[in-house]
PDB file of N, CA and C in Angstrom:
ATOM      1  N   MET A   1    -131.396  -4.214 -29.521  1.00  0.00           N
ATOM      2  CA  MET A   1    -130.830  -4.715 -28.303  1.00  0.00           C
ATOM      3  C   MET A   1    -130.111  -3.601 -27.562  1.00  0.00           C
ATOM      4  N   PHE A   2    -130.237  -3.672 -26.297  1.00  0.00           N
ATOM      5  CA  PHE A   2    -129.549  -2.703 -25.437  1.00  0.00           C
ATOM      6  C   PHE A   2    -128.181  -3.240 -25.078  1.00  0.00           C
ATOM      7  N   THR A   3    -127.266  -2.322 -25.172  1.00  0.00           N
ATOM      8  CA  THR A   3    -125.939  -2.719 -24.700  1.00  0.00           C
ATOM      9  C   THR A   3    -125.727  -2.075 -23.345  1.00  0.00           C
ATOM     10  N   HIS A   4    -125.258  -2.836 -22.464  1.00  0.00           N
ATOM     11  CA  HIS A   4    -125.053  -2.368 -21.101  1.00  0.00           C
ATOM     12  C   HIS A   4    -123.562  -2.140 -20.904  1.00  0.00           C
ATOM     13  N   SER A   5    -123.208  -0.873 -20.697  1.00  0.00           N
ATOM     14  CA  SER A   5    -121.793  -0.602 -20.485  1.00  0.00           C
ATOM     15  C   SER A   5    -121.584  -0.162 -19.046  1.00  0.00           C
ATOM     16  N   VAL A   6    -120.526  -0.566 -18.508  1.00  0.00           N
ATOM     17  CA  VAL A   6    -120.184  -0.238 -17.131  1.00  0.00           C
ATOM     18  C   VAL A   6    -118.999   0.712 -17.173  1.00  0.00           C
ATOM     19  N   LEU A   7    -119.134   1.790 -16.400  1.00  0.00           N
ATOM     20  CA  LEU A   7    -118.040   2.752 -16.342  1.00  0.00           C
ATOM     21  C   LEU A   7    -116.896   2.168 -15.527  1.00  0.00           C
ATOM     22  N   PRO A   8    -115.704   2.449 -15.935  1.00  0.00           N
ATOM     23  CA  PRO A   8    -114.572   2.030 -15.105  1.00  0.00           C
ATOM     24  C   PRO A   8    -114.603   2.778 -13.777  1.00  0.00           C
ATOM     25  N   ASP A   9    -113.999   2.195 -12.784  1.00  0.00           N
ATOM     26  CA  ASP A   9    -113.995   2.796 -11.444  1.00  0.00           C
ATOM     27  C   ASP A   9    -113.410   4.202 -11.455  1.00  0.00           C
ATOM     28  N   TRP A  10    -112.351   4.408 -12.190  1.00  0.00           N
ATOM     29  CA  TRP A  10    -111.702   5.726 -12.173  1.00  0.00           C
ATOM     30  C   TRP A  10    -112.611   6.789 -12.782  1.00  0.00           C
ATOM     31  N   MET A  11    -113.415   6.412 -13.784  1.00  0.00           N
ATOM     32  CA  MET A  11    -114.316   7.371 -14.416  1.00  0.00           C
ATOM     33  C   MET A  11    -115.474   7.700 -13.478  1.00  0.00           C
ATOM     34  N   PHE A  12    -115.965   6.697 -12.776  1.00  0.00           N
ATOM     35  CA  PHE A  12    -117.028   6.918 -11.792  1.00  0.00           C
ATOM     36  C   PHE A  12    -116.534   7.865 -10.706  1.00  0.00           C
ATOM     37  N   LEU A  13    -115.325   7.612 -10.207  1.00  0.00           N
ATOM     38  CA  LEU A  13    -114.762   8.474  -9.166  1.00  0.00           C
ATOM     39  C   LEU A  13    -114.525   9.888  -9.700  1.00  0.00           C
ATOM     40  N   LEU A  14    -114.122   9.991 -10.941  1.00  0.00           N
ATOM     41  CA  LEU A  14    -113.926  11.307 -11.550  1.00  0.00           C
ATOM     42  C   LEU A  14    -115.252  12.058 -11.636  1.00  0.00           C
ATOM     43  N   PHE A  15    -116.299  11.411 -12.129  1.00  0.00           N
ATOM     44  CA  PHE A  15    -117.615  12.049 -12.185  1.00  0.00           C
ATOM     45  C   PHE A  15    -118.111  12.435 -10.797  1.00  0.00           C
ATOM     46  N   LEU A  16    -117.917  11.546  -9.844  1.00  0.00           N
ATOM     47  CA  LEU A  16    -118.333  11.816  -8.469  1.00  0.00           C
ATOM     48  C   LEU A  16    -117.557  13.014  -7.910  1.00  0.00           C
ATOM     49  N   GLY A  17    -116.257  13.043  -8.146  1.00  0.00           N
ATOM     50  CA  GLY A  17    -115.434  14.154  -7.663  1.00  0.00           C
ATOM     51  C   GLY A  17    -115.829  15.479  -8.288  1.00  0.00           C
ATOM     52  N   VAL A  18    -116.061  15.473  -9.598  1.00  0.00           N
ATOM     53  CA  VAL A  18    -116.475  16.703 -10.283  1.00  0.00           C
ATOM     54  C   VAL A  18    -117.839  17.152  -9.774  1.00  0.00           C
ATOM     55  N   GLY A  19    -118.732  16.215  -9.580  1.00  0.00           N
ATOM     56  CA  GLY A  19    -120.060  16.562  -9.055  1.00  0.00           C
ATOM     57  C   GLY A  19    -119.967  17.177  -7.670  1.00  0.00           C
ATOM     58  N   ILE A  20    -119.154  16.587  -6.824  1.00  0.00           N
ATOM     59  CA  ILE A  20    -118.979  17.135  -5.470  1.00  0.00           C
ATOM     60  C   ILE A  20    -118.344  18.513  -5.548  1.00  0.00           C
ATOM     61  N   LEU A  21    -117.361  18.691  -6.428  1.00  0.00           N
ATOM     62  CA  LEU A  21    -116.702  19.986  -6.594  1.00  0.00           C
ATOM     63  C   LEU A  21    -117.687  21.049  -7.064  1.00  0.00           C
ATOM     64  N   VAL A  22    -118.531  20.716  -8.028  1.00  0.00           N
ATOM     65  CA  VAL A  22    -119.517  21.671  -8.546  1.00  0.00           C
ATOM     66  C   VAL A  22    -120.530  22.018  -7.459  1.00  0.00           C
ATOM     67  N   LEU A  23    -121.006  21.014  -6.742  1.00  0.00           N
ATOM     68  CA  LEU A  23    -121.971  21.254  -5.669  1.00  0.00           C
ATOM     69  C   LEU A  23    -121.357  22.107  -4.570  1.00  0.00           C
ATOM     70  N   THR A  24    -120.138  21.799  -4.180  1.00  0.00           N
ATOM     71  CA  THR A  24    -119.459  22.568  -3.142  1.00  0.00           C
ATOM     72  C   THR A  24    -119.257  24.009  -3.585  1.00  0.00           C
ATOM     73  N   ASP A  25    -118.840  24.197  -4.836  1.00  0.00           N
ATOM     74  CA  ASP A  25    -118.642  25.545  -5.366  1.00  0.00           C
ATOM     75  C   ASP A  25    -119.952  26.320  -5.342  1.00  0.00           C
ATOM     76  N   PHE A  26    -121.038  25.683  -5.746  1.00  0.00           N
ATOM     77  CA  PHE A  26    -122.353  26.317  -5.740  1.00  0.00           C
ATOM     78  C   PHE A  26    -122.751  26.728  -4.320  1.00  0.00           C
ATOM     79  N   LEU A  27    -122.559  25.827  -3.360  1.00  0.00           N
ATOM     80  CA  LEU A  27    -122.929  26.125  -1.979  1.00  0.00           C
ATOM     81  C   LEU A  27    -122.062  27.237  -1.395  1.00  0.00           C
ATOM     82  N   VAL A  28    -120.766  27.186  -1.664  1.00  0.00           N
ATOM     83  CA  VAL A  28    -119.865  28.208  -1.129  1.00  0.00           C
ATOM     84  C   VAL A  28    -120.218  29.582  -1.700  1.00  0.00           C
ATOM     85  N   LYS A  29    -120.483  29.650  -2.993  1.00  0.00           N
ATOM     86  CA  LYS A  29    -120.867  30.934  -3.591  1.00  0.00           C
ATOM     87  C   LYS A  29    -122.164  31.454  -2.987  1.00  0.00           C
ATOM     88  N   GLY A  30    -123.108  30.561  -2.755  1.00  0.00           N
ATOM     89  CA  GLY A  30    -124.362  30.961  -2.115  1.00  0.00           C
ATOM     90  C   GLY A  30    -124.132  31.501  -0.717  1.00  0.00           C
ATOM     91  N   PHE A  31    -123.265  30.827   0.039  1.00  0.00           N
ATOM     92  CA  PHE A  31    -122.959  31.293   1.391  1.00  0.00           C
ATOM     93  C   PHE A  31    -122.243  32.637   1.362  1.00  0.00           C
ATOM     94  N   LEU A  32    -121.348  32.834   0.400  1.00  0.00           N
ATOM     95  CA  LEU A  32    -120.640  34.107   0.299  1.00  0.00           C
ATOM     96  C   LEU A  32    -121.597  35.251  -0.018  1.00  0.00           C
ATOM     97  N   VAL A  33    -122.562  34.994  -0.892  1.00  0.00           N
ATOM     98  CA  VAL A  33    -123.561  36.015  -1.200  1.00  0.00           C
ATOM     99  C   VAL A  33    -124.390  36.314   0.043  1.00  0.00           C
ATOM    100  N   GLU A  34    -124.779  35.274   0.759  1.00  0.00           N
ATOM    101  CA  GLU A  34    -125.567  35.465   1.984  1.00  0.00           C
ATOM    102  C   GLU A  34    -124.765  36.228   3.034  1.00  0.00           C
ATOM    103  N   ILE A  35    -123.494  35.922   3.177  1.00  0.00           N
ATOM    104  CA  ILE A  35    -122.640  36.631   4.132  1.00  0.00           C
ATOM    105  C   ILE A  35    -122.530  38.099   3.748  1.00  0.00           C
ATOM    106  N   GLN A  36    -122.347  38.388   2.479  1.00  0.00           N
ATOM    107  CA  GLN A  36    -122.252  39.777   2.016  1.00  0.00           C
ATOM    108  C   GLN A  36    -123.549  40.526   2.283  1.00  0.00           C
ATOM    109  N   THR A  37    -124.671  39.882   2.038  1.00  0.00           N
ATOM    110  CA  THR A  37    -125.972  40.505   2.298  1.00  0.00           C
ATOM    111  C   THR A  37    -126.129  40.816   3.785  1.00  0.00           C
ATOM    112  N   LEU A  38    -125.770  39.864   4.628  1.00  0.00           N
ATOM    113  CA  LEU A  38    -125.872  40.080   6.071  1.00  0.00           C
ATOM    114  C   LEU A  38    -124.912  41.174   6.534  1.00  0.00           C
ATOM    115  N   LYS A  39    -123.735  41.236   5.931  1.00  0.00           N
ATOM    116  CA  LYS A  39    -122.766  42.283   6.278  1.00  0.00           C
ATOM    117  C   LYS A  39    -123.326  43.657   5.928  1.00  0.00           C
ATOM    118  N   GLU A  40    -123.943  43.785   4.762  1.00  0.00           N
ATOM    119  CA  GLU A  40    -124.545  45.055   4.355  1.00  0.00           C
ATOM    120  C   GLU A  40    -125.681  45.460   5.296  1.00  0.00           C
ATOM    121  N   LYS A  41    -126.500  44.478   5.685  1.00  0.00           N
ATOM    122  CA  LYS A  41    -127.588  44.765   6.627  1.00  0.00           C
ATOM    123  C   LYS A  41    -127.027  45.216   7.970  1.00  0.00           C
ATOM    124  N   LEU A  42    -125.970  44.556   8.429  1.00  0.00           N
ATOM    125  CA  LEU A  42    -125.354  44.912   9.698  1.00  0.00           C
ATOM    126  C   LEU A  42    -124.813  46.335   9.653  1.00  0.00           C
ATOM    127  N   GLU A  43    -124.158  46.708   8.571  1.00  0.00           N
ATOM    128  CA  GLU A  43    -123.631  48.066   8.428  1.00  0.00           C
ATOM    129  C   GLU A  43    -124.765  49.085   8.433  1.00  0.00           C
ATOM    130  N   LYS A  44    -125.871  48.747   7.770  1.00  0.00           N
ATOM    131  CA  LYS A  44    -127.030  49.641   7.739  1.00  0.00           C
ATOM    132  C   LYS A  44    -127.606  49.814   9.144  1.00  0.00           C
ATOM    133  N   TYR A  45    -127.748  48.702   9.875  1.00  0.00           N
ATOM    134  CA  TYR A  45    -128.293  48.779  11.229  1.00  0.00           C
ATOM    135  C   TYR A  45    -127.352  49.512  12.175  1.00  0.00           C
ATOM    136  N   GLU A  46    -126.044  49.353  11.986  1.00  0.00           N
ATOM    137  CA  GLU A  46    -125.085  50.082  12.815  1.00  0.00           C
ATOM    138  C   GLU A  46    -125.200  51.583  12.564  1.00  0.00           C
ATOM    139  N   ALA A  47    -125.379  51.973  11.306  1.00  0.00           N
ATOM    140  CA  ALA A  47    -125.548  53.393  10.984  1.00  0.00           C
ATOM    141  C   ALA A  47    -126.831  53.935  11.612  1.00  0.00           C
ATOM    142  N   GLN A  48    -127.906  53.154  11.556  1.00  0.00           N
ATOM    143  CA  GLN A  48    -129.163  53.577  12.176  1.00  0.00           C
ATOM    144  C   GLN A  48    -129.000  53.701  13.683  1.00  0.00           C
ATOM    145  N   CYS A  49    -128.255  52.789  14.267  1.00  0.00           N
ATOM    146  CA  CYS A  49    -128.019  52.815  15.715  1.00  0.00           C
ATOM    147  C   CYS A  49    -127.255  54.078  16.101  1.00  0.00           C
ATOM    148  N   CYS A  50    -126.222  54.427  15.323  1.00  0.00           N
ATOM    149  CA  CYS A  50    -125.461  55.650  15.596  1.00  0.00           C
ATOM    150  C   CYS A  50    -126.349  56.877  15.479  1.00  0.00           C
ATOM    151  N   SER A  51    -127.203  56.881  14.474  1.00  0.00           N
ATOM    152  CA  SER A  51    -128.118  58.004  14.281  1.00  0.00           C
ATOM    153  C   SER A  51    -129.091  58.116  15.457  1.00  0.00           C
ATOM    154  N   LEU A  52    -129.621  56.991  15.893  1.00  0.00           N
ATOM    155  CA  LEU A  52    -130.545  57.009  17.026  1.00  0.00           C
ATOM    156  C   LEU A  52    -129.842  57.449  18.307  1.00  0.00           C
ATOM    157  N   THR A  53    -128.607  57.020  18.486  1.00  0.00           N
ATOM    158  CA  THR A  53    -127.844  57.434  19.663  1.00  0.00           C
ATOM    159  C   THR A  53    -127.631  58.941  19.652  1.00  0.00           C
ATOM    160  N   ALA A  54    -127.311  59.494  18.488  1.00  0.00           N
ATOM    161  CA  ALA A  54    -127.145  60.948  18.370  1.00  0.00           C
ATOM    162  C   ALA A  54    -128.451  61.666  18.693  1.00  0.00           C
ATOM    163  N   ASN A  55    -129.568  61.133  18.198  1.00  0.00           N
ATOM    164  CA  ASN A  55    -130.879  61.741  18.489  1.00  0.00           C
ATOM    165  C   ASN A  55    -131.195  61.678  19.978  1.00  0.00           C
ATOM    166  N   ILE A  56    -130.875  60.558  20.608  1.00  0.00           N
ATOM    167  CA  ILE A  56    -131.116  60.411  22.053  1.00  0.00           C
ATOM    168  C   ILE A  56    -130.290  61.436  22.821  1.00  0.00           C
ATOM    169  N   ASN A  57    -129.033  61.601  22.416  1.00  0.00           N
ATOM    170  CA  ASN A  57    -128.183  62.575  23.098  1.00  0.00           C
ATOM    171  C   ASN A  57    -128.719  63.993  22.940  1.00  0.00           C
ATOM    172  N   GLN A  58    -129.230  64.323  21.749  1.00  0.00           N
ATOM    173  CA  GLN A  58    -129.827  65.644  21.541  1.00  0.00           C
ATOM    174  C   GLN A  58    -131.065  65.836  22.412  1.00  0.00           C
ATOM    175  N   LEU A  59    -131.868  64.777  22.520  1.00  0.00           N
ATOM    176  CA  LEU A  59    -133.072  64.867  23.361  1.00  0.00           C
ATOM    177  C   LEU A  59    -132.702  65.019  24.837  1.00  0.00           C
ATOM    178  N   LYS A  60    -131.665  64.333  25.273  1.00  0.00           N
ATOM    179  CA  LYS A  60    -131.222  64.472  26.668  1.00  0.00           C
ATOM    180  C   LYS A  60    -130.728  65.890  26.939  1.00  0.00           C
ATOM    181  N   LEU A  61    -129.996  66.463  25.984  1.00  0.00           N
ATOM    182  CA  LEU A  61    -129.521  67.836  26.135  1.00  0.00           C
ATOM    183  C   LEU A  61    -130.707  68.803  26.194  1.00  0.00           C
ATOM    184  N   TYR A  62    -131.675  68.603  25.320  1.00  0.00           N
ATOM    185  CA  TYR A  62    -132.873  69.446  25.327  1.00  0.00           C
ATOM    186  C   TYR A  62    -133.618  69.306  26.658  1.00  0.00           C
ATOM    187  N   GLN A  63    -133.709  68.071  27.164  1.00  0.00           N
ATOM    188  CA  GLN A  63    -134.375  67.839  28.446  1.00  0.00           C
ATOM    189  C   GLN A  63    -133.641  68.568  29.571  1.00  0.00           C
ATOM    190  N   MET A  64    -132.310  68.515  29.566  1.00  0.00           N
ATOM    191  CA  MET A  64    -131.531  69.204  30.603  1.00  0.00           C
ATOM    192  C   MET A  64    -131.760  70.720  30.531  1.00  0.00           C
ATOM    193  N   LYS A  65    -131.767  71.278  29.316  1.00  0.00           N
ATOM    194  CA  LYS A  65    -132.001  72.712  29.158  1.00  0.00           C
ATOM    195  C   LYS A  65    -133.393  73.090  29.647  1.00  0.00           C
ATOM    196  N   THR A  66    -134.383  72.269  29.301  1.00  0.00           N
ATOM    197  CA  THR A  66    -135.754  72.537  29.723  1.00  0.00           C
ATOM    198  C   THR A  66    -135.888  72.464  31.237  1.00  0.00           C
ATOM    199  N   GLU A  67    -135.264  71.456  31.837  1.00  0.00           N
ATOM    200  CA  GLU A  67    -135.305  71.337  33.303  1.00  0.00           C
ATOM    201  C   GLU A  67    -134.616  72.516  33.963  1.00  0.00           C
ATOM    202  N   HIS A  68    -133.532  72.989  33.388  1.00  0.00           N
ATOM    203  CA  HIS A  68    -132.830  74.150  33.939  1.00  0.00           C
ATOM    204  C   HIS A  68    -133.723  75.392  33.863  1.00  0.00           C
ATOM    205  N   GLN A  69    -134.370  75.604  32.726  1.00  0.00           N
ATOM    206  CA  GLN A  69    -135.266  76.749  32.574  1.00  0.00           C
ATOM    207  C   GLN A  69    -136.442  76.652  33.543  1.00  0.00           C
ATOM    208  N   GLN A  70    -136.957  75.435  33.711  1.00  0.00           N
ATOM    209  CA  GLN A  70    -138.084  75.233  34.625  1.00  0.00           C
ATOM    210  C   GLN A  70    -137.657  75.548  36.060  1.00  0.00           C
ATOM    211  N   SER A  71    -136.484  75.101  36.427  1.00  0.00           N
ATOM    212  CA  SER A  71    -135.973  75.377  37.769  1.00  0.00           C
ATOM    213  C   SER A  71    -135.770  76.878  37.974  1.00  0.00           C
ATOM    214  N   PHE A  72    -135.233  77.534  36.964  1.00  0.00           N
ATOM    215  CA  PHE A  72    -135.029  78.985  37.043  1.00  0.00           C
ATOM    216  C   PHE A  72    -136.356  79.706  37.220  1.00  0.00           C
ATOM    217  N   MET A  73    -137.369  79.275  36.438  1.00  0.00           N
ATOM    218  CA  MET A  73    -138.680  79.915  36.532  1.00  0.00           C
ATOM    219  C   MET A  73    -139.323  79.675  37.902  1.00  0.00           C
ATOM    220  N   LYS A  74    -139.110  78.495  38.479  1.00  0.00           N
ATOM    221  CA  LYS A  74    -139.683  78.217  39.802  1.00  0.00           C
ATOM    222  C   LYS A  74    -139.074  79.131  40.857  1.00  0.00           C
ATOM    223  N   THR A  75    -137.782  79.398  40.730  1.00  0.00           N
ATOM    224  CA  THR A  75    -137.153  80.275  41.728  1.00  0.00           C
ATOM    225  C   THR A  75    -137.475  81.745  41.473  1.00  0.00           C
ATOM    226  N   ARG A  76    -137.704  82.128  40.237  1.00  0.00           N
ATOM    227  CA  ARG A  76    -137.962  83.531  39.895  1.00  0.00           C
ATOM    228  C   ARG A  76    -139.430  83.922  40.042  1.00  0.00           C
ATOM    229  N   THR A  77    -140.332  82.972  39.978  1.00  0.00           N
ATOM    230  CA  THR A  77    -141.770  83.294  40.008  1.00  0.00           C
ATOM    231  C   THR A  77    -142.173  84.051  41.277  1.00  0.00           C
ATOM    232  N   PRO A  78    -141.758  83.624  42.459  1.00  0.00           N
ATOM    233  CA  PRO A  78    -142.181  84.388  43.651  1.00  0.00           C
ATOM    234  C   PRO A  78    -141.703  85.851  43.609  1.00  0.00           C
ATOM    235  N   TYR A  79    -140.496  86.076  43.139  1.00  0.00           N
ATOM    236  CA  TYR A  79    -139.991  87.454  43.045  1.00  0.00           C
ATOM    237  C   TYR A  79    -140.783  88.262  42.024  1.00  0.00           C
ATOM    238  N   MET A  80    -141.134  87.629  40.913  1.00  0.00           N
ATOM    239  CA  MET A  80    -141.908  88.332  39.894  1.00  0.00           C
ATOM    240  C   MET A  80    -143.300  88.672  40.410  1.00  0.00           C
ATOM    241  N   VAL A  81    -143.910  87.748  41.139  1.00  0.00           N
ATOM    242  CA  VAL A  81    -145.231  88.006  41.716  1.00  0.00           C
ATOM    243  C   VAL A  81    -145.142  89.169  42.702  1.00  0.00           C
ATOM    244  N   GLN A  82    -144.078  89.174  43.494  1.00  0.00           N
ATOM    245  CA  GLN A  82    -143.890  90.255  44.465  1.00  0.00           C
ATOM    246  C   GLN A  82    -143.704  91.601  43.750  1.00  0.00           C
ATOM    247  N   GLU A  83    -142.942  91.599  42.665  1.00  0.00           N
ATOM    248  CA  GLU A  83    -142.724  92.844  41.944  1.00  0.00           C
ATOM    249  C   GLU A  83    -144.030  93.345  41.313  1.00  0.00           C
ATOM    250  N   ILE A  84    -144.817  92.423  40.758  1.00  0.00           N
ATOM    251  CA  ILE A  84    -146.110  92.807  40.156  1.00  0.00           C
ATOM    252  C   ILE A  84    -147.022  93.386  41.237  1.00  0.00           C
ATOM    253  N   SER A  85    -147.017  92.746  42.408  1.00  0.00           N
ATOM    254  CA  SER A  85    -147.842  93.269  43.516  1.00  0.00           C
ATOM    255  C   SER A  85    -147.379  94.658  43.924  1.00  0.00           C
ATOM    256  N   ASN A  86    -146.080  94.864  43.983  1.00  0.00           N
ATOM    257  CA  ASN A  86    -145.528  96.171  44.340  1.00  0.00           C
ATOM    258  C   ASN A  86    -145.918  97.234  43.301  1.00  0.00           C
ATOM    259  N   LEU A  87    -145.877  96.825  42.003  1.00  0.00           N
ATOM    260  CA  LEU A  87    -146.235  97.767  40.955  1.00  0.00           C
ATOM    261  C   LEU A  87    -147.715  98.129  41.010  1.00  0.00           C
ATOM    262  N   LYS A  88    -148.572  97.140  41.313  1.00  0.00           N
ATOM    263  CA  LYS A  88    -150.001  97.405  41.426  1.00  0.00           C
ATOM    264  C   LYS A  88    -150.290  98.300  42.633  1.00  0.00           C
ATOM    265  N   ALA A  89    -149.556  98.084  43.700  1.00  0.00           N
ATOM    266  CA  ALA A  89    -149.783  98.857  44.910  1.00  0.00           C
ATOM    267  C   ALA A  89    -149.223 100.281  44.770  1.00  0.00           C
ATOM    268  N   GLY A  90    -148.179 100.437  43.990  1.00  0.00           N
ATOM    269  CA  GLY A  90    -147.491 101.719  43.891  1.00  0.00           C
ATOM    270  C   GLY A  90    -148.155 102.658  43.010  1.00  0.00           C
TER     271      GLY A  90
END
């Protein structure tokens, strides 16, 4: 024969409370791990962003130097051609 026992209300509430506490603890720990993972990814992406910004600044500086040299050569070329012509004629 089966005996059917009924839990007292306080024991049911205790089990329910412990279950909710365990579930909440599990979820909170999972969220904390996820937050830490996202924080690490964010720090990594911020470092990559800083590195890319530094590279962009170096490229802009190189572009400015190249444009300056190109401008200098454009102004000097006619004089150089004239000097070469003078040397050939002389």
